[in-house]
N, C-alpha and C. Protein backbone atom coordinates (compact mmCIF):
# COMPACT_ATOMS: atom_id res chain seq x y z
N MET A 1 -43.63 -2.10 27.20
CA MET A 1 -42.71 -3.00 26.50
C MET A 1 -41.29 -2.71 27.00
N LYS A 2 -40.60 -3.77 27.39
CA LYS A 2 -39.23 -3.58 27.91
C LYS A 2 -38.28 -3.45 26.70
N THR A 3 -37.12 -2.91 27.02
CA THR A 3 -36.11 -2.71 25.90
C THR A 3 -35.67 -3.99 25.30
N ASP A 4 -35.57 -5.06 26.15
CA ASP A 4 -35.15 -6.38 25.56
C ASP A 4 -36.18 -6.91 24.58
N GLU A 5 -37.47 -6.81 24.93
CA GLU A 5 -38.46 -7.21 24.07
C GLU A 5 -38.50 -6.39 22.74
N LYS A 6 -38.24 -5.11 22.93
CA LYS A 6 -38.25 -4.23 21.69
C LYS A 6 -37.07 -4.59 20.74
N ALA A 7 -35.94 -4.88 21.36
CA ALA A 7 -34.75 -5.22 20.57
C ALA A 7 -34.98 -6.54 19.76
N GLU A 8 -35.70 -7.42 20.39
CA GLU A 8 -35.94 -8.66 19.73
C GLU A 8 -36.93 -8.58 18.59
N THR A 9 -37.91 -7.71 18.71
CA THR A 9 -38.89 -7.57 17.68
C THR A 9 -38.42 -6.76 16.52
N THR A 10 -37.32 -5.99 16.66
CA THR A 10 -36.85 -5.10 15.59
C THR A 10 -35.70 -5.71 14.80
N LYS A 11 -35.26 -6.89 15.24
CA LYS A 11 -34.11 -7.53 14.53
C LYS A 11 -34.53 -7.97 13.11
N LYS A 12 -33.60 -7.82 12.23
CA LYS A 12 -33.87 -8.21 10.91
C LYS A 12 -33.61 -9.73 10.81
N PRO A 13 -34.39 -10.33 10.00
CA PRO A 13 -34.11 -11.87 9.88
C PRO A 13 -32.81 -12.11 9.12
N LYS A 14 -32.12 -13.14 9.56
CA LYS A 14 -30.84 -13.47 8.95
C LYS A 14 -31.01 -13.98 7.55
N ARG A 15 -30.14 -13.48 6.68
CA ARG A 15 -30.15 -14.03 5.29
C ARG A 15 -29.43 -15.33 5.26
N ALA A 16 -29.86 -16.22 4.42
CA ALA A 16 -29.21 -17.47 4.29
C ALA A 16 -27.82 -17.20 3.66
N LYS A 17 -26.81 -17.87 4.12
CA LYS A 17 -25.44 -17.65 3.63
C LYS A 17 -25.38 -18.26 2.23
N ARG A 18 -24.94 -17.44 1.31
CA ARG A 18 -24.88 -17.90 -0.10
C ARG A 18 -23.51 -18.49 -0.28
N GLN A 19 -23.47 -19.55 -1.04
CA GLN A 19 -22.24 -20.22 -1.40
C GLN A 19 -21.94 -20.03 -2.85
N PHE A 20 -20.73 -19.65 -3.20
CA PHE A 20 -20.31 -19.43 -4.54
C PHE A 20 -19.27 -20.50 -4.92
N SER A 21 -19.37 -21.04 -6.14
CA SER A 21 -18.43 -22.04 -6.55
C SER A 21 -17.01 -21.51 -6.71
N GLU A 22 -16.05 -22.29 -6.62
CA GLU A 22 -14.63 -21.93 -6.84
C GLU A 22 -14.47 -21.30 -8.25
N GLU A 23 -15.09 -21.95 -9.16
CA GLU A 23 -14.99 -21.50 -10.56
C GLU A 23 -15.59 -20.06 -10.72
N PHE A 24 -16.75 -19.84 -10.01
CA PHE A 24 -17.37 -18.48 -10.13
C PHE A 24 -16.44 -17.44 -9.50
N ARG A 25 -15.86 -17.79 -8.37
CA ARG A 25 -14.96 -16.87 -7.74
C ARG A 25 -13.74 -16.52 -8.64
N ARG A 26 -13.13 -17.48 -9.14
CA ARG A 26 -11.95 -17.31 -10.00
C ARG A 26 -12.27 -16.52 -11.27
N ASP A 27 -13.50 -16.79 -11.83
CA ASP A 27 -13.89 -16.02 -13.04
C ASP A 27 -14.17 -14.59 -12.66
N ALA A 28 -14.69 -14.34 -11.43
CA ALA A 28 -14.97 -12.93 -11.01
C ALA A 28 -13.65 -12.25 -10.84
N VAL A 29 -12.62 -12.87 -10.29
CA VAL A 29 -11.33 -12.26 -10.13
C VAL A 29 -10.72 -11.95 -11.53
N ALA A 30 -10.84 -12.89 -12.40
CA ALA A 30 -10.32 -12.68 -13.79
C ALA A 30 -11.07 -11.48 -14.41
N LEU A 31 -12.34 -11.42 -14.24
CA LEU A 31 -13.12 -10.28 -14.79
C LEU A 31 -12.64 -8.95 -14.20
N ILE A 32 -12.43 -8.86 -12.92
CA ILE A 32 -11.96 -7.67 -12.29
C ILE A 32 -10.60 -7.25 -12.86
N GLU A 33 -9.69 -8.23 -13.02
CA GLU A 33 -8.35 -7.88 -13.52
C GLU A 33 -8.39 -7.49 -15.01
N SER A 34 -9.29 -8.04 -15.76
CA SER A 34 -9.29 -7.80 -17.21
C SER A 34 -10.01 -6.50 -17.54
N THR A 35 -11.08 -6.14 -16.79
CA THR A 35 -11.85 -4.94 -17.15
C THR A 35 -11.36 -3.72 -16.44
N GLY A 36 -10.91 -3.75 -15.24
CA GLY A 36 -10.46 -2.60 -14.50
C GLY A 36 -11.62 -1.76 -14.04
N GLU A 37 -12.79 -2.34 -14.05
CA GLU A 37 -14.03 -1.62 -13.55
C GLU A 37 -13.98 -1.54 -12.01
N PRO A 38 -14.68 -0.54 -11.43
CA PRO A 38 -14.72 -0.48 -9.95
C PRO A 38 -15.37 -1.76 -9.41
N LEU A 39 -14.93 -2.14 -8.16
CA LEU A 39 -15.43 -3.31 -7.52
C LEU A 39 -16.99 -3.24 -7.30
N ALA A 40 -17.49 -2.05 -6.86
CA ALA A 40 -18.87 -1.86 -6.65
C ALA A 40 -19.72 -2.12 -7.91
N LYS A 41 -19.26 -1.68 -8.97
CA LYS A 41 -20.05 -1.87 -10.29
C LYS A 41 -20.04 -3.30 -10.67
N LEU A 42 -18.89 -3.94 -10.58
CA LEU A 42 -18.89 -5.36 -10.93
C LEU A 42 -19.63 -6.21 -9.97
N ALA A 43 -19.61 -5.87 -8.68
CA ALA A 43 -20.29 -6.61 -7.71
C ALA A 43 -21.84 -6.57 -8.00
N ALA A 44 -22.28 -5.35 -8.35
CA ALA A 44 -23.74 -5.19 -8.63
C ALA A 44 -24.07 -6.08 -9.87
N GLN A 45 -23.23 -6.14 -10.86
CA GLN A 45 -23.50 -6.96 -12.10
C GLN A 45 -23.50 -8.43 -11.74
N LEU A 46 -22.59 -8.86 -10.84
CA LEU A 46 -22.47 -10.29 -10.52
C LEU A 46 -23.43 -10.72 -9.42
N GLY A 47 -24.07 -9.78 -8.77
CA GLY A 47 -25.04 -10.07 -7.70
C GLY A 47 -24.30 -10.47 -6.39
N VAL A 48 -23.10 -9.92 -6.11
CA VAL A 48 -22.42 -10.16 -4.85
C VAL A 48 -22.09 -8.80 -4.24
N THR A 49 -21.48 -8.82 -3.11
CA THR A 49 -21.07 -7.52 -2.48
C THR A 49 -19.65 -7.26 -2.89
N HIS A 50 -19.29 -5.99 -2.73
CA HIS A 50 -17.91 -5.64 -3.06
C HIS A 50 -16.94 -6.23 -2.05
N TRP A 51 -17.45 -6.54 -0.84
CA TRP A 51 -16.57 -7.23 0.15
C TRP A 51 -16.23 -8.64 -0.28
N ASN A 52 -17.17 -9.30 -0.97
CA ASN A 52 -16.85 -10.61 -1.49
C ASN A 52 -15.77 -10.54 -2.51
N LEU A 53 -15.90 -9.60 -3.42
CA LEU A 53 -14.92 -9.43 -4.47
C LEU A 53 -13.53 -9.08 -3.91
N ARG A 54 -13.49 -8.20 -2.88
CA ARG A 54 -12.27 -7.85 -2.34
C ARG A 54 -11.51 -9.05 -1.68
N ASP A 55 -12.38 -9.83 -0.97
CA ASP A 55 -11.78 -11.11 -0.35
C ASP A 55 -11.33 -12.04 -1.39
N TRP A 56 -12.09 -12.25 -2.45
CA TRP A 56 -11.68 -13.18 -3.50
C TRP A 56 -10.43 -12.69 -4.16
N LEU A 57 -10.31 -11.38 -4.38
CA LEU A 57 -9.04 -10.83 -4.98
C LEU A 57 -7.86 -11.21 -4.12
N LYS A 58 -7.99 -11.04 -2.86
CA LYS A 58 -6.86 -11.36 -1.90
C LYS A 58 -6.53 -12.85 -1.99
N ARG A 59 -7.55 -13.70 -2.09
CA ARG A 59 -7.30 -15.14 -2.07
C ARG A 59 -6.81 -15.68 -3.46
N TYR A 60 -7.38 -15.25 -4.56
CA TYR A 60 -7.09 -15.87 -5.85
C TYR A 60 -6.17 -15.10 -6.70
N ARG A 61 -5.85 -13.86 -6.40
CA ARG A 61 -4.87 -13.12 -7.23
C ARG A 61 -3.53 -13.74 -6.97
N PRO A 62 -2.77 -13.92 -8.01
CA PRO A 62 -1.37 -14.47 -7.86
C PRO A 62 -0.60 -13.53 -6.95
N GLN A 63 0.34 -14.08 -6.18
CA GLN A 63 1.14 -13.31 -5.28
C GLN A 63 1.96 -12.27 -6.05
N GLY A 64 1.87 -11.05 -5.61
CA GLY A 64 2.59 -9.93 -6.25
C GLY A 64 1.85 -9.31 -7.40
N ALA A 65 0.80 -9.97 -7.88
CA ALA A 65 0.08 -9.38 -9.01
C ALA A 65 -0.70 -8.13 -8.52
N GLY A 66 -0.66 -7.12 -9.31
CA GLY A 66 -1.37 -5.86 -8.98
C GLY A 66 -0.63 -4.99 -7.97
N ALA A 67 0.32 -5.54 -7.32
CA ALA A 67 1.13 -4.82 -6.34
C ALA A 67 2.43 -4.31 -6.96
N THR A 68 2.69 -4.77 -8.16
CA THR A 68 3.97 -4.30 -8.77
C THR A 68 3.83 -2.95 -9.31
N ALA A 69 4.84 -2.13 -9.11
CA ALA A 69 4.88 -0.74 -9.64
C ALA A 69 5.34 -0.76 -11.12
N THR A 70 4.97 0.24 -11.83
CA THR A 70 5.41 0.33 -13.20
C THR A 70 6.90 0.75 -13.19
N PRO A 71 7.59 0.44 -14.27
CA PRO A 71 9.02 0.79 -14.27
C PRO A 71 9.25 2.30 -14.06
N ALA A 72 8.34 3.13 -14.52
CA ALA A 72 8.60 4.58 -14.28
C ALA A 72 8.46 4.95 -12.76
N GLU A 73 7.48 4.27 -12.11
CA GLU A 73 7.31 4.59 -10.69
C GLU A 73 8.53 3.99 -9.93
N GLU A 74 9.05 2.86 -10.35
CA GLU A 74 10.22 2.27 -9.70
C GLU A 74 11.43 3.20 -9.88
N LEU A 75 11.57 3.74 -11.06
CA LEU A 75 12.76 4.57 -11.31
C LEU A 75 12.60 5.86 -10.53
N ARG A 76 11.37 6.42 -10.47
CA ARG A 76 11.13 7.61 -9.71
C ARG A 76 11.49 7.37 -8.23
N ALA A 77 11.06 6.30 -7.69
CA ALA A 77 11.36 5.98 -6.27
C ALA A 77 12.88 5.80 -6.07
N LEU A 78 13.53 5.18 -7.03
CA LEU A 78 15.00 4.97 -6.98
C LEU A 78 15.70 6.33 -7.02
N VAL A 79 15.27 7.23 -7.86
CA VAL A 79 15.90 8.54 -8.00
C VAL A 79 15.74 9.30 -6.66
N LEU A 80 14.53 9.23 -6.09
CA LEU A 80 14.31 9.99 -4.81
C LEU A 80 15.17 9.41 -3.74
N ARG A 81 15.26 8.13 -3.65
CA ARG A 81 16.09 7.50 -2.64
C ARG A 81 17.57 7.87 -2.75
N LEU A 82 18.01 7.89 -4.01
CA LEU A 82 19.44 8.19 -4.25
C LEU A 82 19.73 9.69 -4.04
N GLN A 83 18.75 10.56 -4.31
CA GLN A 83 18.93 12.01 -4.06
C GLN A 83 19.05 12.24 -2.52
N LYS A 84 18.18 11.52 -1.73
CA LYS A 84 18.25 11.71 -0.26
C LYS A 84 19.65 11.15 0.23
N GLU A 85 20.09 10.10 -0.28
CA GLU A 85 21.36 9.54 0.11
C GLU A 85 22.53 10.45 -0.29
N ASN A 86 22.42 11.01 -1.44
CA ASN A 86 23.39 11.95 -1.93
C ASN A 86 23.50 13.20 -1.09
N ASP A 87 22.30 13.80 -0.68
CA ASP A 87 22.27 14.92 0.23
C ASP A 87 22.90 14.57 1.57
N GLU A 88 22.63 13.44 2.05
CA GLU A 88 23.20 13.01 3.40
C GLU A 88 24.75 12.91 3.29
N LEU A 89 25.20 12.29 2.19
CA LEU A 89 26.65 12.12 2.05
C LEU A 89 27.36 13.47 1.86
N ARG A 90 26.72 14.41 1.12
CA ARG A 90 27.26 15.76 1.01
C ARG A 90 27.40 16.43 2.32
N SER A 91 26.36 16.36 3.16
CA SER A 91 26.42 17.02 4.49
C SER A 91 27.49 16.41 5.35
N GLN A 92 27.64 15.08 5.25
CA GLN A 92 28.78 14.40 6.02
C GLN A 92 30.11 14.83 5.54
N ARG A 93 30.24 14.97 4.19
CA ARG A 93 31.50 15.44 3.63
C ARG A 93 31.84 16.88 4.06
N ASP A 94 30.85 17.71 4.04
CA ASP A 94 31.05 19.14 4.47
C ASP A 94 31.51 19.24 5.98
N VAL A 95 30.91 18.37 6.82
CA VAL A 95 31.35 18.31 8.20
C VAL A 95 32.78 17.86 8.30
N LEU A 96 33.13 16.89 7.61
CA LEU A 96 34.54 16.39 7.61
C LEU A 96 35.47 17.38 7.07
N LYS A 97 35.14 18.13 6.02
CA LYS A 97 35.96 19.20 5.47
C LYS A 97 36.24 20.29 6.56
N LYS A 98 35.15 20.68 7.23
CA LYS A 98 35.36 21.74 8.27
C LYS A 98 36.23 21.22 9.37
N ALA A 99 36.05 19.94 9.80
CA ALA A 99 36.82 19.46 10.86
C ALA A 99 38.28 19.32 10.43
N MET A 100 38.53 18.92 9.26
CA MET A 100 39.94 18.85 8.74
C MET A 100 40.54 20.25 8.68
N GLY A 101 39.75 21.21 8.24
CA GLY A 101 40.21 22.61 8.12
C GLY A 101 40.67 23.10 9.58
N ILE A 102 39.85 22.76 10.57
CA ILE A 102 40.13 23.24 11.92
C ILE A 102 41.41 22.52 12.45
N LEU A 103 41.49 21.29 12.26
CA LEU A 103 42.61 20.52 12.76
C LEU A 103 43.87 20.75 11.91
N ALA A 104 43.79 21.15 10.72
CA ALA A 104 44.99 21.22 9.86
C ALA A 104 45.63 22.63 9.93
N THR A 105 44.95 23.66 10.46
CA THR A 105 45.56 25.00 10.54
C THR A 105 46.75 24.93 11.52
N PRO A 106 47.91 25.39 11.00
CA PRO A 106 49.00 25.40 11.86
C PRO A 106 48.89 26.49 13.00
N LYS A 107 49.36 26.15 14.13
CA LYS A 107 49.25 27.12 15.25
C LYS A 107 50.44 28.09 15.09
N ARG A 108 50.14 29.33 15.29
CA ARG A 108 51.21 30.34 15.29
C ARG A 108 51.90 30.36 16.64
N SER A 109 53.12 30.46 16.59
CA SER A 109 53.87 30.57 17.84
C SER A 109 53.73 31.91 18.50
N VAL A 110 53.63 31.96 19.76
CA VAL A 110 53.47 33.19 20.45
C VAL A 110 54.82 33.96 20.50
N THR A 111 55.88 33.28 20.53
CA THR A 111 57.22 33.95 20.60
C THR A 111 57.57 34.40 19.24
N ARG A 112 58.43 35.52 19.25
CA ARG A 112 58.82 36.08 18.04
C ARG A 112 60.21 35.79 17.75
């Protein structure tokens, strides 16, 4: 038996592509958002794959929904950003202070 013949005999038969109605997809997305259950669990209950649910979420979830951070997370990110900026400004200030100190020192005359 040649390898080409063997490959042909071991192929799985293709499954018929299942079509889901628009209403079913939107209801599935609403169910995901309302329950908060893992996609795999809901997919098993609905008789679809978790890949279907993931794609439907991307398509039917309103823009920005689910991607928004909570106010506490937003504040934490803002505080971190401002702390970094503050540290940078302090280091720049310190460099300028040293430079002004060097330039501002009066030179002593060598003659007496």
